[in-house]
C-alpha atoms as a PDB file:
ATOM      1  CA  MET A   1      -7.089  38.517   4.880  1.00  0.00           C
ATOM      2  CA  PRO A   2      -3.746  36.777   5.535  1.00  0.00           C
ATOM      3  CA  GLN A   3      -3.551  34.623   8.662  1.00  0.00           C
ATOM      4  CA  ILE A   4      -0.426  34.563  10.832  1.00  0.00           C
ATOM      5  CA  ALA A   5       0.526  32.982  14.146  1.00  0.00           C
ATOM      6  CA  TYR A   6       3.073  33.677  16.852  1.00  0.00           C
ATOM      7  CA  HIS A   7       4.390  31.647  19.731  1.00  0.00           C
ATOM      8  CA  ILE A   8       4.810  34.275  22.453  1.00  0.00           C
ATOM      9  CA  ARG A   9       6.699  34.362  25.748  1.00  0.00           C
ATOM     10  CA  VAL A  10       6.128  37.165  28.257  1.00  0.00           C
ATOM     11  CA  THR A  11       8.433  37.788  31.221  1.00  0.00           C
ATOM     12  CA  GLY A  12       8.230  40.060  34.232  1.00  0.00           C
ATOM     13  CA  HIS A  13       5.610  40.117  36.981  1.00  0.00           C
ATOM     14  CA  VAL A  14       3.001  38.286  34.900  1.00  0.00           C
ATOM     15  CA  GLN A  15       1.773  35.482  37.165  1.00  0.00           C
ATOM     16  CA  GLY A  16      -0.701  36.062  39.977  1.00  0.00           C
ATOM     17  CA  VAL A  17      -2.061  39.185  38.258  1.00  0.00           C
ATOM     18  CA  ALA A  18      -4.833  37.622  36.100  1.00  0.00           C
ATOM     19  CA  TYR A  19      -2.646  37.824  32.992  1.00  0.00           C
ATOM     20  CA  ARG A  20      -4.019  34.601  31.479  1.00  0.00           C
ATOM     21  CA  ALA A  21      -7.663  35.608  31.992  1.00  0.00           C
ATOM     22  CA  TRP A  22      -6.904  39.037  30.561  1.00  0.00           C
ATOM     23  CA  ALA A  23      -5.140  37.477  27.552  1.00  0.00           C
ATOM     24  CA  ARG A  24      -8.076  35.151  26.888  1.00  0.00           C
ATOM     25  CA  ALA A  25     -10.541  38.059  27.010  1.00  0.00           C
ATOM     26  CA  GLU A  26      -8.330  40.172  24.741  1.00  0.00           C
ATOM     27  CA  ALA A  27      -7.915  37.297  22.268  1.00  0.00           C
ATOM     28  CA  LYS A  28     -11.666  36.706  22.184  1.00  0.00           C
ATOM     29  CA  ARG A  29     -12.263  40.441  21.641  1.00  0.00           C
ATOM     30  CA  LEU A  30      -9.881  40.301  18.671  1.00  0.00           C
ATOM     31  CA  ALA A  31     -11.416  36.997  17.411  1.00  0.00           C
ATOM     32  CA  LEU A  32      -8.098  35.145  17.704  1.00  0.00           C
ATOM     33  CA  ARG A  33      -7.393  31.436  18.127  1.00  0.00           C
ATOM     34  CA  GLY A  34      -4.889  29.763  20.419  1.00  0.00           C
ATOM     35  CA  TRP A  35      -4.008  29.311  24.076  1.00  0.00           C
ATOM     36  CA  VAL A  36      -2.186  30.859  27.017  1.00  0.00           C
ATOM     37  CA  ARG A  37      -0.503  29.241  30.040  1.00  0.00           C
ATOM     38  CA  ASN A  38       1.857  29.884  32.937  1.00  0.00           C
ATOM     39  CA  ARG A  39       5.354  28.455  32.780  1.00  0.00           C
ATOM     40  CA  ASP A  40       7.299  27.087  35.737  1.00  0.00           C
ATOM     41  CA  ASP A  41       9.915  29.849  35.333  1.00  0.00           C
ATOM     42  CA  GLY A  42       7.348  32.582  36.120  1.00  0.00           C
ATOM     43  CA  SER A  43       6.733  33.636  32.534  1.00  0.00           C
ATOM     44  CA  VAL A  44       3.556  33.339  30.461  1.00  0.00           C
ATOM     45  CA  GLU A  45       3.504  31.494  27.146  1.00  0.00           C
ATOM     46  CA  ALA A  46       0.903  31.821  24.388  1.00  0.00           C
ATOM     47  CA  LEU A  47       0.140  30.693  20.871  1.00  0.00           C
ATOM     48  CA  VAL A  48      -1.957  33.232  18.985  1.00  0.00           C
ATOM     49  CA  ALA A  49      -3.322  32.969  15.433  1.00  0.00           C
ATOM     50  CA  GLY A  50      -5.642  34.996  13.249  1.00  0.00           C
ATOM     51  CA  PRO A  51      -5.677  37.936  10.860  1.00  0.00           C
ATOM     52  CA  LYS A  52      -2.316  39.716  10.733  1.00  0.00           C
ATOM     53  CA  GLU A  53      -3.589  43.034  12.097  1.00  0.00           C
ATOM     54  CA  ALA A  54      -5.380  41.365  15.023  1.00  0.00           C
ATOM     55  CA  VAL A  55      -2.385  39.189  15.969  1.00  0.00           C
ATOM     56  CA  GLU A  56      -0.097  42.208  15.869  1.00  0.00           C
ATOM     57  CA  ALA A  57      -2.565  44.143  18.051  1.00  0.00           C
ATOM     58  CA  MET A  58      -2.522  41.258  20.551  1.00  0.00           C
ATOM     59  CA  VAL A  59       1.280  41.208  20.702  1.00  0.00           C
ATOM     60  CA  LEU A  60       1.285  44.958  21.319  1.00  0.00           C
ATOM     61  CA  ALA A  61      -1.348  44.607  24.053  1.00  0.00           C
ATOM     62  CA  MET A  62       0.626  41.793  25.692  1.00  0.00           C
ATOM     63  CA  ARG A  63       3.509  44.236  26.199  1.00  0.00           C
ATOM     64  CA  GLU A  64       1.227  46.029  28.707  1.00  0.00           C
ATOM     65  CA  GLY A  65      -1.050  43.265  30.006  1.00  0.00           C
ATOM     66  CA  PRO A  66      -3.586  43.806  32.785  1.00  0.00           C
ATOM     67  CA  GLY A  67      -3.159  46.666  35.252  1.00  0.00           C
ATOM     68  CA  ALA A  68      -1.264  44.730  37.927  1.00  0.00           C
ATOM     69  CA  ALA A  69       1.221  43.171  35.472  1.00  0.00           C
ATOM     70  CA  ARG A  70       4.735  44.508  35.000  1.00  0.00           C
ATOM     71  CA  VAL A  71       5.965  43.156  31.682  1.00  0.00           C
ATOM     72  CA  SER A  72       9.733  43.058  31.176  1.00  0.00           C
ATOM     73  CA  ASP A  73       9.991  41.469  27.729  1.00  0.00           C
ATOM     74  CA  VAL A  74       7.882  39.861  25.016  1.00  0.00           C
ATOM     75  CA  TRP A  75       9.448  37.414  22.569  1.00  0.00           C
ATOM     76  CA  THR A  76       7.690  36.229  19.433  1.00  0.00           C
ATOM     77  CA  ASP A  77       8.469  33.372  17.069  1.00  0.00           C
ATOM     78  CA  PRO A  78       6.459  32.730  13.905  1.00  0.00           C
ATOM     79  CA  ALA A  79       4.234  29.661  14.028  1.00  0.00           C
ATOM     80  CA  ASP A  80       1.966  27.806  11.591  1.00  0.00           C
ATOM     81  CA  PRO A  81      -1.521  29.369  11.746  1.00  0.00           C
ATOM     82  CA  GLY A  82      -3.008  26.237  10.203  1.00  0.00           C
ATOM     83  CA  ALA A  83      -1.923  24.181  13.225  1.00  0.00           C
ATOM     84  CA  VAL A  84      -3.811  26.333  15.756  1.00  0.00           C
ATOM     85  CA  ALA A  85      -7.206  25.005  16.893  1.00  0.00           C
ATOM     86  CA  ASP A  86     -10.366  27.111  16.990  1.00  0.00           C
ATOM     87  CA  GLY A  87     -11.193  29.015  20.153  1.00  0.00           C
ATOM     88  CA  PHE A  88      -8.858  30.483  22.743  1.00  0.00           C
ATOM     89  CA  ARG A  89      -8.236  28.723  26.035  1.00  0.00           C
ATOM     90  CA  ILE A  90      -6.195  28.826  29.214  1.00  0.00           C
ATOM     91  CA  THR A  91      -4.230  25.579  29.331  1.00  0.00           C
ATOM     92  CA  GLY A  92      -2.241  25.781  32.544  1.00  0.00           C
END
C-alpha cells in the first residue's frame, strides 16, 4: 500500500481543547506515524505519515477535531513519508 505524508496546520479554537491528545489517539487508531504540537500563533501543527487512505482519513478528522474544538481551516503540504519516525507523539 502506498505511503504518503502531510505537514498539516489547523487554525481556529484548537488549543486548550485537548486537540493534541485527540490527534495522537486518532493517529494511533489509524496506525499512523508522526507528531503534533501547538504553535505560538494559536494553531496546531502536525506531521502525519502512513497508508494513503489512513492519512486522508486523519486529515478529514482533523477538520472536526475533538468536541470542544472549532476548526476554521486545515492546510496540508506533502511531505516525505520516509523521513517520519515510527510512533506518534505530542512534541509541544
